[in-house]
PDB file of all heavy atoms in Angstrom:
ATOM      1  N   ARG A   1      49.585  -7.273  23.476  1.00  0.00           N
ATOM      2  CA  ARG A   1      48.305  -6.589  23.307  1.00  0.00           C
ATOM      3  C   ARG A   1      47.187  -7.551  23.624  1.00  0.00           C
ATOM      4  O   ARG A   1      47.175  -8.684  23.148  1.00  0.00           O
ATOM      5  CB  ARG A   1      48.172  -6.072  21.886  1.00  0.00           C
ATOM      6  CG  ARG A   1      49.145  -4.944  21.591  1.00  0.00           C
ATOM      7  CD  ARG A   1      49.033  -4.494  20.185  1.00  0.00           C
ATOM      8  NE  ARG A   1      47.661  -4.161  19.851  1.00  0.00           N
ATOM      9  CZ  ARG A   1      47.274  -3.083  19.204  1.00  0.00           C
ATOM     10  NH1 ARG A   1      48.175  -2.235  18.791  1.00  0.00           N
ATOM     11  NH2 ARG A   1      46.021  -2.863  18.930  1.00  0.00           N
ATOM     12  N   LEU A   2      46.262  -7.117  24.441  1.00  0.00           N
ATOM     13  CA  LEU A   2      45.134  -7.959  24.823  1.00  0.00           C
ATOM     14  C   LEU A   2      44.000  -7.831  23.812  1.00  0.00           C
ATOM     15  O   LEU A   2      43.716  -6.743  23.322  1.00  0.00           O
ATOM     16  CB  LEU A   2      44.623  -7.561  26.206  1.00  0.00           C
ATOM     17  CG  LEU A   2      45.584  -7.739  27.371  1.00  0.00           C
ATOM     18  CD1 LEU A   2      44.953  -7.212  28.655  1.00  0.00           C
ATOM     19  CD2 LEU A   2      45.976  -9.185  27.543  1.00  0.00           C
ATOM     20  N   SER A   3      43.365  -8.958  23.553  1.00  0.00           N
ATOM     21  CA  SER A   3      42.204  -8.933  22.671  1.00  0.00           C
ATOM     22  C   SER A   3      41.020  -8.355  23.432  1.00  0.00           C
ATOM     23  O   SER A   3      41.042  -8.241  24.668  1.00  0.00           O
ATOM     24  CB  SER A   3      41.865 -10.345  22.190  1.00  0.00           C
ATOM     25  OG  SER A   3      41.387 -11.127  23.267  1.00  0.00           O
ATOM     26  N   LEU A   4      39.983  -8.024  22.724  1.00  0.00           N
ATOM     27  CA  LEU A   4      38.780  -7.498  23.358  1.00  0.00           C
ATOM     28  C   LEU A   4      38.212  -8.523  24.341  1.00  0.00           C
ATOM     29  O   LEU A   4      37.767  -8.167  25.425  1.00  0.00           O
ATOM     30  CB  LEU A   4      37.747  -7.130  22.302  1.00  0.00           C
ATOM     31  CG  LEU A   4      36.446  -6.517  22.808  1.00  0.00           C
ATOM     32  CD1 LEU A   4      36.722  -5.236  23.600  1.00  0.00           C
ATOM     33  CD2 LEU A   4      35.516  -6.222  21.641  1.00  0.00           C
ATOM     34  N   GLN A   5      38.264  -9.791  23.969  1.00  0.00           N
ATOM     35  CA  GLN A   5      37.770 -10.854  24.851  1.00  0.00           C
ATOM     36  C   GLN A   5      38.592 -10.925  26.136  1.00  0.00           C
ATOM     37  O   GLN A   5      38.040 -11.070  27.228  1.00  0.00           O
ATOM     38  CB  GLN A   5      37.819 -12.201  24.138  1.00  0.00           C
ATOM     39  CG  GLN A   5      37.284 -13.338  24.996  1.00  0.00           C
ATOM     40  CD  GLN A   5      37.284 -14.667  24.262  1.00  0.00           C
ATOM     41  OE1 GLN A   5      37.484 -14.711  23.055  1.00  0.00           O
ATOM     42  NE2 GLN A   5      37.053 -15.732  24.984  1.00  0.00           N
ATOM     43  N   ASP A   6      39.910 -10.809  26.046  1.00  0.00           N
ATOM     44  CA  ASP A   6      40.774 -10.828  27.222  1.00  0.00           C
ATOM     45  C   ASP A   6      40.492  -9.632  28.132  1.00  0.00           C
ATOM     46  O   ASP A   6      40.466  -9.757  29.353  1.00  0.00           O
ATOM     47  CB  ASP A   6      42.246 -10.833  26.822  1.00  0.00           C
ATOM     48  CG  ASP A   6      42.669 -12.131  26.162  1.00  0.00           C
ATOM     49  OD1 ASP A   6      42.010 -13.169  26.393  1.00  0.00           O
ATOM     50  OD2 ASP A   6      43.659 -12.105  25.405  1.00  0.00           O
ATOM     51  N   LYS A   7      40.267  -8.469  27.529  1.00  0.00           N
ATOM     52  CA  LYS A   7      39.951  -7.268  28.311  1.00  0.00           C
ATOM     53  C   LYS A   7      38.614  -7.424  29.030  1.00  0.00           C
ATOM     54  O   LYS A   7      38.481  -7.057  30.194  1.00  0.00           O
ATOM     55  CB  LYS A   7      39.900  -6.036  27.407  1.00  0.00           C
ATOM     56  CG  LYS A   7      41.246  -5.608  26.889  1.00  0.00           C
ATOM     57  CD  LYS A   7      41.107  -4.432  25.946  1.00  0.00           C
ATOM     58  CE  LYS A   7      42.422  -4.033  25.335  1.00  0.00           C
ATOM     59  NZ  LYS A   7      42.268  -2.898  24.403  1.00  0.00           N
ATOM     60  N   ALA A   8      37.627  -7.989  28.333  1.00  0.00           N
ATOM     61  CA  ALA A   8      36.307  -8.190  28.936  1.00  0.00           C
ATOM     62  C   ALA A   8      36.384  -9.183  30.087  1.00  0.00           C
ATOM     63  O   ALA A   8      35.779  -8.976  31.143  1.00  0.00           O
ATOM     64  CB  ALA A   8      35.316  -8.680  27.879  1.00  0.00           C
ATOM     65  N   GLU A   9      37.135 -10.251  29.910  1.00  0.00           N
ATOM     66  CA  GLU A   9      37.276 -11.254  30.961  1.00  0.00           C
ATOM     67  C   GLU A   9      37.975 -10.665  32.189  1.00  0.00           C
ATOM     68  O   GLU A   9      37.573 -10.913  33.324  1.00  0.00           O
ATOM     69  CB  GLU A   9      38.073 -12.448  30.438  1.00  0.00           C
ATOM     70  CG  GLU A   9      38.107 -13.608  31.396  1.00  0.00           C
ATOM     71  CD  GLU A   9      38.786 -14.840  30.810  1.00  0.00           C
ATOM     72  OE1 GLU A   9      38.805 -14.996  29.577  1.00  0.00           O
ATOM     73  OE2 GLU A   9      39.293 -15.635  31.610  1.00  0.00           O
ATOM     74  N   ALA A  10      39.000  -9.873  31.985  1.00  0.00           N
ATOM     75  CA  ALA A  10      39.708  -9.230  33.085  1.00  0.00           C
ATOM     76  C   ALA A  10      38.788  -8.264  33.831  1.00  0.00           C
ATOM     77  O   ALA A  10      38.799  -8.211  35.070  1.00  0.00           O
ATOM     78  CB  ALA A  10      40.942  -8.494  32.566  1.00  0.00           C
ATOM     79  N   ALA A  11      37.979  -7.519  33.103  1.00  0.00           N
ATOM     80  CA  ALA A  11      37.043  -6.577  33.729  1.00  0.00           C
ATOM     81  C   ALA A  11      35.988  -7.321  34.542  1.00  0.00           C
ATOM     82  O   ALA A  11      35.635  -6.895  35.645  1.00  0.00           O
ATOM     83  CB  ALA A  11      36.379  -5.716  32.663  1.00  0.00           C
ATOM     84  N   LEU A  12      35.497  -8.437  34.033  1.00  0.00           N
ATOM     85  CA  LEU A  12      34.498  -9.232  34.754  1.00  0.00           C
ATOM     86  C   LEU A  12      35.084  -9.801  36.036  1.00  0.00           C
ATOM     87  O   LEU A  12      34.455  -9.749  37.101  1.00  0.00           O
ATOM     88  CB  LEU A  12      33.972 -10.353  33.862  1.00  0.00           C
ATOM     89  CG  LEU A  12      32.905 -11.245  34.481  1.00  0.00           C
ATOM     90  CD1 LEU A  12      31.656 -10.444  34.840  1.00  0.00           C
ATOM     91  CD2 LEU A  12      32.548 -12.372  33.529  1.00  0.00           C
ATOM     92  N   LYS A  13      36.302 -10.323  35.974  1.00  0.00           N
ATOM     93  CA  LYS A  13      36.953 -10.876  37.169  1.00  0.00           C
ATOM     94  C   LYS A  13      37.158  -9.794  38.223  1.00  0.00           C
ATOM     95  O   LYS A  13      36.945 -10.024  39.416  1.00  0.00           O
ATOM     96  CB  LYS A  13      38.291 -11.512  36.796  1.00  0.00           C
ATOM     97  CG  LYS A  13      38.146 -12.823  36.081  1.00  0.00           C
ATOM     98  CD  LYS A  13      39.498 -13.424  35.729  1.00  0.00           C
ATOM     99  CE  LYS A  13      39.335 -14.741  35.000  1.00  0.00           C
ATOM    100  NZ  LYS A  13      40.629 -15.356  34.669  1.00  0.00           N
ATOM    101  N   LYS A  14      37.556  -8.606  37.792  1.00  0.00           N
ATOM    102  CA  LYS A  14      37.756  -7.491  38.720  1.00  0.00           C
ATOM    103  C   LYS A  14      36.438  -7.099  39.377  1.00  0.00           C
ATOM    104  O   LYS A  14      36.380  -6.853  40.586  1.00  0.00           O
ATOM    105  CB  LYS A  14      38.353  -6.293  37.977  1.00  0.00           C
ATOM    106  CG  LYS A  14      38.649  -5.117  38.854  1.00  0.00           C
ATOM    107  CD  LYS A  14      39.279  -3.986  38.054  1.00  0.00           C
ATOM    108  CE  LYS A  14      39.536  -2.778  38.944  1.00  0.00           C
ATOM    109  NZ  LYS A  14      40.085  -1.656  38.186  1.00  0.00           N
ATOM    110  N   ALA A  15      35.366  -7.073  38.597  1.00  0.00           N
ATOM    111  CA  ALA A  15      34.042  -6.719  39.133  1.00  0.00           C
ATOM    112  C   ALA A  15      33.565  -7.755  40.140  1.00  0.00           C
ATOM    113  O   ALA A  15      33.034  -7.401  41.204  1.00  0.00           O
ATOM    114  CB  ALA A  15      33.039  -6.581  37.994  1.00  0.00           C
ATOM    115  N   VAL A  16      33.772  -9.028  39.851  1.00  0.00           N
ATOM    116  CA  VAL A  16      33.352 -10.091  40.772  1.00  0.00           C
ATOM    117  C   VAL A  16      34.137  -9.996  42.072  1.00  0.00           C
ATOM    118  O   VAL A  16      33.565 -10.116  43.161  1.00  0.00           O
ATOM    119  CB  VAL A  16      33.516 -11.484  40.123  1.00  0.00           C
ATOM    120  CG1 VAL A  16      33.344 -12.594  41.142  1.00  0.00           C
ATOM    121  CG2 VAL A  16      32.515 -11.649  38.991  1.00  0.00           C
ATOM    122  N   ARG A  17      35.450  -9.764  41.982  1.00  0.00           N
ATOM    123  CA  ARG A  17      36.261  -9.599  43.199  1.00  0.00           C
ATOM    124  C   ARG A  17      35.724  -8.452  44.051  1.00  0.00           C
ATOM    125  O   ARG A  17      35.634  -8.550  45.271  1.00  0.00           O
ATOM    126  CB  ARG A  17      37.722  -9.318  42.839  1.00  0.00           C
ATOM    127  CG  ARG A  17      38.564 -10.540  42.690  1.00  0.00           C
ATOM    128  CD  ARG A  17      40.055 -10.207  42.650  1.00  0.00           C
ATOM    129  NE  ARG A  17      40.419  -9.214  41.647  1.00  0.00           N
ATOM    130  CZ  ARG A  17      40.722  -9.479  40.393  1.00  0.00           C
ATOM    131  NH1 ARG A  17      40.718 -10.704  39.955  1.00  0.00           N
ATOM    132  NH2 ARG A  17      41.034  -8.510  39.562  1.00  0.00           N
ATOM    133  N   GLY A  18      35.354  -7.358  43.399  1.00  0.00           N
ATOM    134  CA  GLY A  18      34.825  -6.206  44.126  1.00  0.00           C
ATOM    135  C   GLY A  18      33.517  -6.520  44.835  1.00  0.00           C
ATOM    136  O   GLY A  18      33.313  -6.126  45.982  1.00  0.00           O
ATOM    137  N   VAL A  19      32.634  -7.245  44.173  1.00  0.00           N
ATOM    138  CA  VAL A  19      31.348  -7.613  44.779  1.00  0.00           C
ATOM    139  C   VAL A  19      31.566  -8.535  45.966  1.00  0.00           C
ATOM    140  O   VAL A  19      30.963  -8.355  47.030  1.00  0.00           O
ATOM    141  CB  VAL A  19      30.419  -8.279  43.735  1.00  0.00           C
ATOM    142  CG1 VAL A  19      29.214  -8.919  44.394  1.00  0.00           C
ATOM    143  CG2 VAL A  19      29.983  -7.265  42.700  1.00  0.00           C
ATOM    144  N   VAL A  20      32.441  -9.513  45.814  1.00  0.00           N
ATOM    145  CA  VAL A  20      32.718 -10.450  46.912  1.00  0.00           C
ATOM    146  C   VAL A  20      33.306  -9.701  48.107  1.00  0.00           C
ATOM    147  O   VAL A  20      32.886  -9.911  49.248  1.00  0.00           O
ATOM    148  CB  VAL A  20      33.655 -11.583  46.434  1.00  0.00           C
ATOM    149  CG1 VAL A  20      34.143 -12.419  47.610  1.00  0.00           C
ATOM    150  CG2 VAL A  20      32.948 -12.466  45.419  1.00  0.00           C
ATOM    151  N   GLU A  21      34.262  -8.821  47.855  1.00  0.00           N
ATOM    152  CA  GLU A  21      34.859  -8.033  48.941  1.00  0.00           C
ATOM    153  C   GLU A  21      33.807  -7.167  49.633  1.00  0.00           C
ATOM    154  O   GLU A  21      33.796  -7.054  50.858  1.00  0.00           O
ATOM    155  CB  GLU A  21      35.976  -7.147  48.394  1.00  0.00           C
ATOM    156  CG  GLU A  21      37.222  -7.893  48.026  1.00  0.00           C
ATOM    157  CD  GLU A  21      38.268  -6.997  47.390  1.00  0.00           C
ATOM    158  OE1 GLU A  21      38.151  -5.753  47.461  1.00  0.00           O
ATOM    159  OE2 GLU A  21      39.212  -7.550  46.797  1.00  0.00           O
ATOM    160  N   HIS A  22      32.919  -6.560  48.854  1.00  0.00           N
ATOM    161  CA  HIS A  22      31.881  -5.698  49.417  1.00  0.00           C
ATOM    162  C   HIS A  22      30.943  -6.493  50.330  1.00  0.00           C
ATOM    163  O   HIS A  22      30.608  -6.049  51.430  1.00  0.00           O
ATOM    164  CB  HIS A  22      31.094  -5.020  48.304  1.00  0.00           C
ATOM    165  CG  HIS A  22      29.973  -4.168  48.778  1.00  0.00           C
ATOM    166  ND1 HIS A  22      30.183  -2.966  49.420  1.00  0.00           N
ATOM    167  CD2 HIS A  22      28.636  -4.350  48.740  1.00  0.00           C
ATOM    168  CE1 HIS A  22      29.019  -2.435  49.744  1.00  0.00           C
ATOM    169  NE2 HIS A  22      28.058  -3.264  49.336  1.00  0.00           N
ATOM    170  N   HIS A  23      30.518  -7.674  49.870  1.00  0.00           N
ATOM    171  CA  HIS A  23      29.616  -8.492  50.671  1.00  0.00           C
ATOM    172  C   HIS A  23      30.299  -8.960  51.951  1.00  0.00           C
ATOM    173  O   HIS A  23      29.682  -9.003  53.011  1.00  0.00           O
ATOM    174  CB  HIS A  23      29.117  -9.695  49.864  1.00  0.00           C
ATOM    175  CG  HIS A  23      27.972  -9.361  48.974  1.00  0.00           C
ATOM    176  ND1 HIS A  23      26.680  -9.648  49.292  1.00  0.00           N
ATOM    177  CD2 HIS A  23      27.923  -8.739  47.771  1.00  0.00           C
ATOM    178  CE1 HIS A  23      25.878  -9.228  48.327  1.00  0.00           C
ATOM    179  NE2 HIS A  23      26.617  -8.664  47.390  1.00  0.00           N
ATOM    180  N   LYS A  24      31.567  -9.313  51.849  1.00  0.00           N
ATOM    181  CA  LYS A  24      32.303  -9.759  53.036  1.00  0.00           C
ATOM    182  C   LYS A  24      32.458  -8.614  54.037  1.00  0.00           C
ATOM    183  O   LYS A  24      32.273  -8.787  55.234  1.00  0.00           O
ATOM    184  CB  LYS A  24      33.673 -10.284  52.619  1.00  0.00           C
ATOM    185  CG  LYS A  24      34.396 -11.016  53.710  1.00  0.00           C
ATOM    186  CD  LYS A  24      35.631 -11.707  53.174  1.00  0.00           C
ATOM    187  CE  LYS A  24      36.279 -12.507  54.279  1.00  0.00           C
ATOM    188  NZ  LYS A  24      37.429 -13.255  53.808  1.00  0.00           N
ATOM    189  N   LYS A  25      32.748  -7.424  53.521  1.00  0.00           N
ATOM    190  CA  LYS A  25      32.953  -6.254  54.381  1.00  0.00           C
ATOM    191  C   LYS A  25      31.664  -5.811  55.065  1.00  0.00           C
ATOM    192  O   LYS A  25      31.671  -5.438  56.230  1.00  0.00           O
ATOM    193  CB  LYS A  25      33.506  -5.095  53.541  1.00  0.00           C
ATOM    194  CG  LYS A  25      33.978  -3.917  54.359  1.00  0.00           C
ATOM    195  CD  LYS A  25      34.442  -2.778  53.480  1.00  0.00           C
ATOM    196  CE  LYS A  25      35.602  -3.186  52.604  1.00  0.00           C
ATOM    197  NZ  LYS A  25      36.119  -2.075  51.771  1.00  0.00           N
ATOM    198  N   THR A  26      30.539  -5.891  54.347  1.00  0.00           N
ATOM    199  CA  THR A  26      29.274  -5.420  54.909  1.00  0.00           C
ATOM    200  C   THR A  26      28.521  -6.504  55.668  1.00  0.00           C
ATOM    201  O   THR A  26      27.497  -6.223  56.285  1.00  0.00           O
ATOM    202  CB  THR A  26      28.356  -4.868  53.797  1.00  0.00           C
ATOM    203  OG1 THR A  26      28.110  -5.899  52.834  1.00  0.00           O
ATOM    204  CG2 THR A  26      28.971  -3.651  53.136  1.00  0.00           C
ATOM    205  N   GLY A  27      29.006  -7.752  55.592  1.00  0.00           N
ATOM    206  CA  GLY A  27      28.370  -8.834  56.340  1.00  0.00           C
ATOM    207  C   GLY A  27      27.104  -9.372  55.702  1.00  0.00           C
ATOM    208  O   GLY A  27      26.316 -10.044  56.359  1.00  0.00           O
ATOM    209  N   ARG A  28      26.911  -9.096  54.422  1.00  0.00           N
ATOM    210  CA  ARG A  28      25.720  -9.581  53.717  1.00  0.00           C
ATOM    211  C   ARG A  28      26.023 -10.902  53.030  1.00  0.00           C
ATOM    212  O   ARG A  28      27.124 -11.095  52.520  1.00  0.00           O
ATOM    213  CB  ARG A  28      25.285  -8.544  52.685  1.00  0.00           C
ATOM    214  CG  ARG A  28      24.864  -7.235  53.341  1.00  0.00           C
ATOM    215  CD  ARG A  28      24.578  -6.171  52.335  1.00  0.00           C
ATOM    216  NE  ARG A  28      23.486  -6.605  51.477  1.00  0.00           N
ATOM    217  CZ  ARG A  28      23.256  -6.071  50.285  1.00  0.00           C
ATOM    218  NH1 ARG A  28      24.020  -5.125  49.826  1.00  0.00           N
ATOM    219  NH2 ARG A  28      22.242  -6.497  49.561  1.00  0.00           N
ATOM    220  N   PRO A  29      25.068 -11.819  52.998  1.00  0.00           N
ATOM    221  CA  PRO A  29      25.312 -13.088  52.301  1.00  0.00           C
ATOM    222  C   PRO A  29      25.463 -12.875  50.798  1.00  0.00           C
ATOM    223  O   PRO A  29      24.948 -11.908  50.238  1.00  0.00           O
ATOM    224  CB  PRO A  29      24.075 -13.929  52.617  1.00  0.00           C
ATOM    225  CG  PRO A  29      23.031 -12.969  53.029  1.00  0.00           C
ATOM    226  CD  PRO A  29      23.727 -11.761  53.581  1.00  0.00           C
ATOM    227  N   LEU A  30      26.180 -13.778  50.171  1.00  0.00           N
ATOM    228  CA  LEU A  30      26.438 -13.707  48.747  1.00  0.00           C
ATOM    229  C   LEU A  30      25.610 -14.780  48.052  1.00  0.00           C
ATOM    230  O   LEU A  30      25.653 -15.943  48.439  1.00  0.00           O
ATOM    231  CB  LEU A  30      27.922 -13.933  48.480  1.00  0.00           C
ATOM    232  CG  LEU A  30      28.419 -13.798  47.063  1.00  0.00           C
ATOM    233  CD1 LEU A  30      28.256 -12.356  46.581  1.00  0.00           C
ATOM    234  CD2 LEU A  30      29.867 -14.200  46.963  1.00  0.00           C
ATOM    235  N   ALA A  31      24.832 -14.396  47.064  1.00  0.00           N
ATOM    236  CA  ALA A  31      23.994 -15.344  46.325  1.00  0.00           C
ATOM    237  C   ALA A  31      24.775 -15.874  45.131  1.00  0.00           C
ATOM    238  O   ALA A  31      25.347 -15.102  44.359  1.00  0.00           O
ATOM    239  CB  ALA A  31      22.716 -14.673  45.867  1.00  0.00           C
ATOM    240  N   ILE A  32      24.802 -17.203  44.992  1.00  0.00           N
ATOM    241  CA  ILE A  32      25.457 -17.829  43.849  1.00  0.00           C
ATOM    242  C   ILE A  32      24.506 -18.837  43.220  1.00  0.00           C
ATOM    243  O   ILE A  32      23.508 -19.227  43.829  1.00  0.00           O
ATOM    244  CB  ILE A  32      26.781 -18.526  44.229  1.00  0.00           C
ATOM    245  CG1 ILE A  32      26.525 -19.686  45.201  1.00  0.00           C
ATOM    246  CG2 ILE A  32      27.774 -17.546  44.796  1.00  0.00           C
ATOM    247  CD1 ILE A  32      27.719 -20.602  45.357  1.00  0.00           C
ATOM    248  N   TRP A  33      24.819 -19.255  42.013  1.00  0.00           N
ATOM    249  CA  TRP A  33      24.024 -20.253  41.303  1.00  0.00           C
ATOM    250  C   TRP A  33      24.787 -21.569  41.384  1.00  0.00           C
ATOM    251  O   TRP A  33      25.939 -21.658  40.975  1.00  0.00           O
ATOM    252  CB  TRP A  33      23.863 -19.818  39.851  1.00  0.00           C
ATOM    253  CG  TRP A  33      22.930 -20.665  39.062  1.00  0.00           C
ATOM    254  CD1 TRP A  33      23.273 -21.610  38.159  1.00  0.00           C
ATOM    255  CD2 TRP A  33      21.504 -20.634  39.083  1.00  0.00           C
ATOM    256  NE1 TRP A  33      22.158 -22.164  37.610  1.00  0.00           N
ATOM    257  CE2 TRP A  33      21.050 -21.584  38.166  1.00  0.00           C
ATOM    258  CE3 TRP A  33      20.573 -19.892  39.792  1.00  0.00           C
ATOM    259  CZ2 TRP A  33      19.705 -21.820  37.931  1.00  0.00           C
ATOM    260  CZ3 TRP A  33      19.238 -20.126  39.559  1.00  0.00           C
ATOM    261  CH2 TRP A  33      18.813 -21.072  38.638  1.00  0.00           C
ATOM    262  N   GLU A  34      24.136 -22.610  41.946  1.00  0.00           N
ATOM    263  CA  GLU A  34      24.806 -23.895  42.125  1.00  0.00           C
ATOM    264  C   GLU A  34      23.825 -25.031  41.870  1.00  0.00           C
ATOM    265  O   GLU A  34      22.772 -25.093  42.508  1.00  0.00           O
ATOM    266  CB  GLU A  34      25.367 -23.976  43.549  1.00  0.00           C
ATOM    267  CG  GLU A  34      26.192 -25.196  43.837  1.00  0.00           C
ATOM    268  CD  GLU A  34      26.809 -25.118  45.205  1.00  0.00           C
ATOM    269  OE1 GLU A  34      26.086 -25.332  46.195  1.00  0.00           O
ATOM    270  OE2 GLU A  34      28.015 -24.848  45.284  1.00  0.00           O
ATOM    271  N   ASN A  35      24.152 -25.905  40.943  1.00  0.00           N
ATOM    272  CA  ASN A  35      23.312 -27.057  40.612  1.00  0.00           C
ATOM    273  C   ASN A  35      21.880 -26.666  40.275  1.00  0.00           C
ATOM    274  O   ASN A  35      20.921 -27.306  40.714  1.00  0.00           O
ATOM    275  CB  ASN A  35      23.327 -28.085  41.751  1.00  0.00           C
ATOM    276  CG  ASN A  35      24.705 -28.648  42.006  1.00  0.00           C
ATOM    277  OD1 ASN A  35      25.501 -28.800  41.082  1.00  0.00           O
ATOM    278  ND2 ASN A  35      25.006 -28.947  43.249  1.00  0.00           N
ATOM    279  N   GLY A  36      21.724 -25.576  39.544  1.00  0.00           N
ATOM    280  CA  GLY A  36      20.402 -25.147  39.105  1.00  0.00           C
ATOM    281  C   GLY A  36      19.577 -24.443  40.162  1.00  0.00           C
ATOM    282  O   GLY A  36      18.386 -24.224  39.969  1.00  0.00           O
ATOM    283  N   LYS A  37      20.192 -24.097  41.293  1.00  0.00           N
ATOM    284  CA  LYS A  37      19.467 -23.415  42.371  1.00  0.00           C
ATOM    285  C   LYS A  37      20.284 -22.234  42.885  1.00  0.00           C
ATOM    286  O   LYS A  37      21.504 -22.216  42.792  1.00  0.00           O
ATOM    287  CB  LYS A  37      19.222 -24.373  43.542  1.00  0.00           C
ATOM    288  CG  LYS A  37      18.318 -25.528  43.205  1.00  0.00           C
ATOM    289  CD  LYS A  37      18.090 -26.394  44.417  1.00  0.00           C
ATOM    290  CE  LYS A  37      17.161 -27.540  44.049  1.00  0.00           C
ATOM    291  NZ  LYS A  37      16.905 -28.406  45.190  1.00  0.00           N
ATOM    292  N   THR A  38      19.574 -21.275  43.454  1.00  0.00           N
ATOM    293  CA  THR A  38      20.234 -20.150  44.087  1.00  0.00           C
ATOM    294  C   THR A  38      20.608 -20.547  45.504  1.00  0.00           C
ATOM    295  O   THR A  38      19.793 -21.083  46.247  1.00  0.00           O
ATOM    296  CB  THR A  38      19.299 -18.931  44.131  1.00  0.00           C
ATOM    297  OG1 THR A  38      18.873 -18.625  42.803  1.00  0.00           O
ATOM    298  CG2 THR A  38      20.002 -17.716  44.712  1.00  0.00           C
ATOM    299  N   VAL A  39      21.865 -20.284  45.874  1.00  0.00           N
ATOM    300  CA  VAL A  39      22.369 -20.627  47.204  1.00  0.00           C
ATOM    301  C   VAL A  39      22.941 -19.374  47.825  1.00  0.00           C
ATOM    302  O   VAL A  39      23.669 -18.619  47.174  1.00  0.00           O
ATOM    303  CB  VAL A  39      23.455 -21.716  47.094  1.00  0.00           C
ATOM    304  CG1 VAL A  39      24.020 -22.054  48.458  1.00  0.00           C
ATOM    305  CG2 VAL A  39      22.940 -22.956  46.398  1.00  0.00           C
TER     306      VAL A  39
END
């Protein structure tokens, strides 16, 4: 049985994968946070 925290983490990972796939498919750049700046 998964804890609520485990379920939330799995849902977040799935959502991030979907966003990355969408940006790659549509050819749009992906914004990330790196060293205190948006890249």
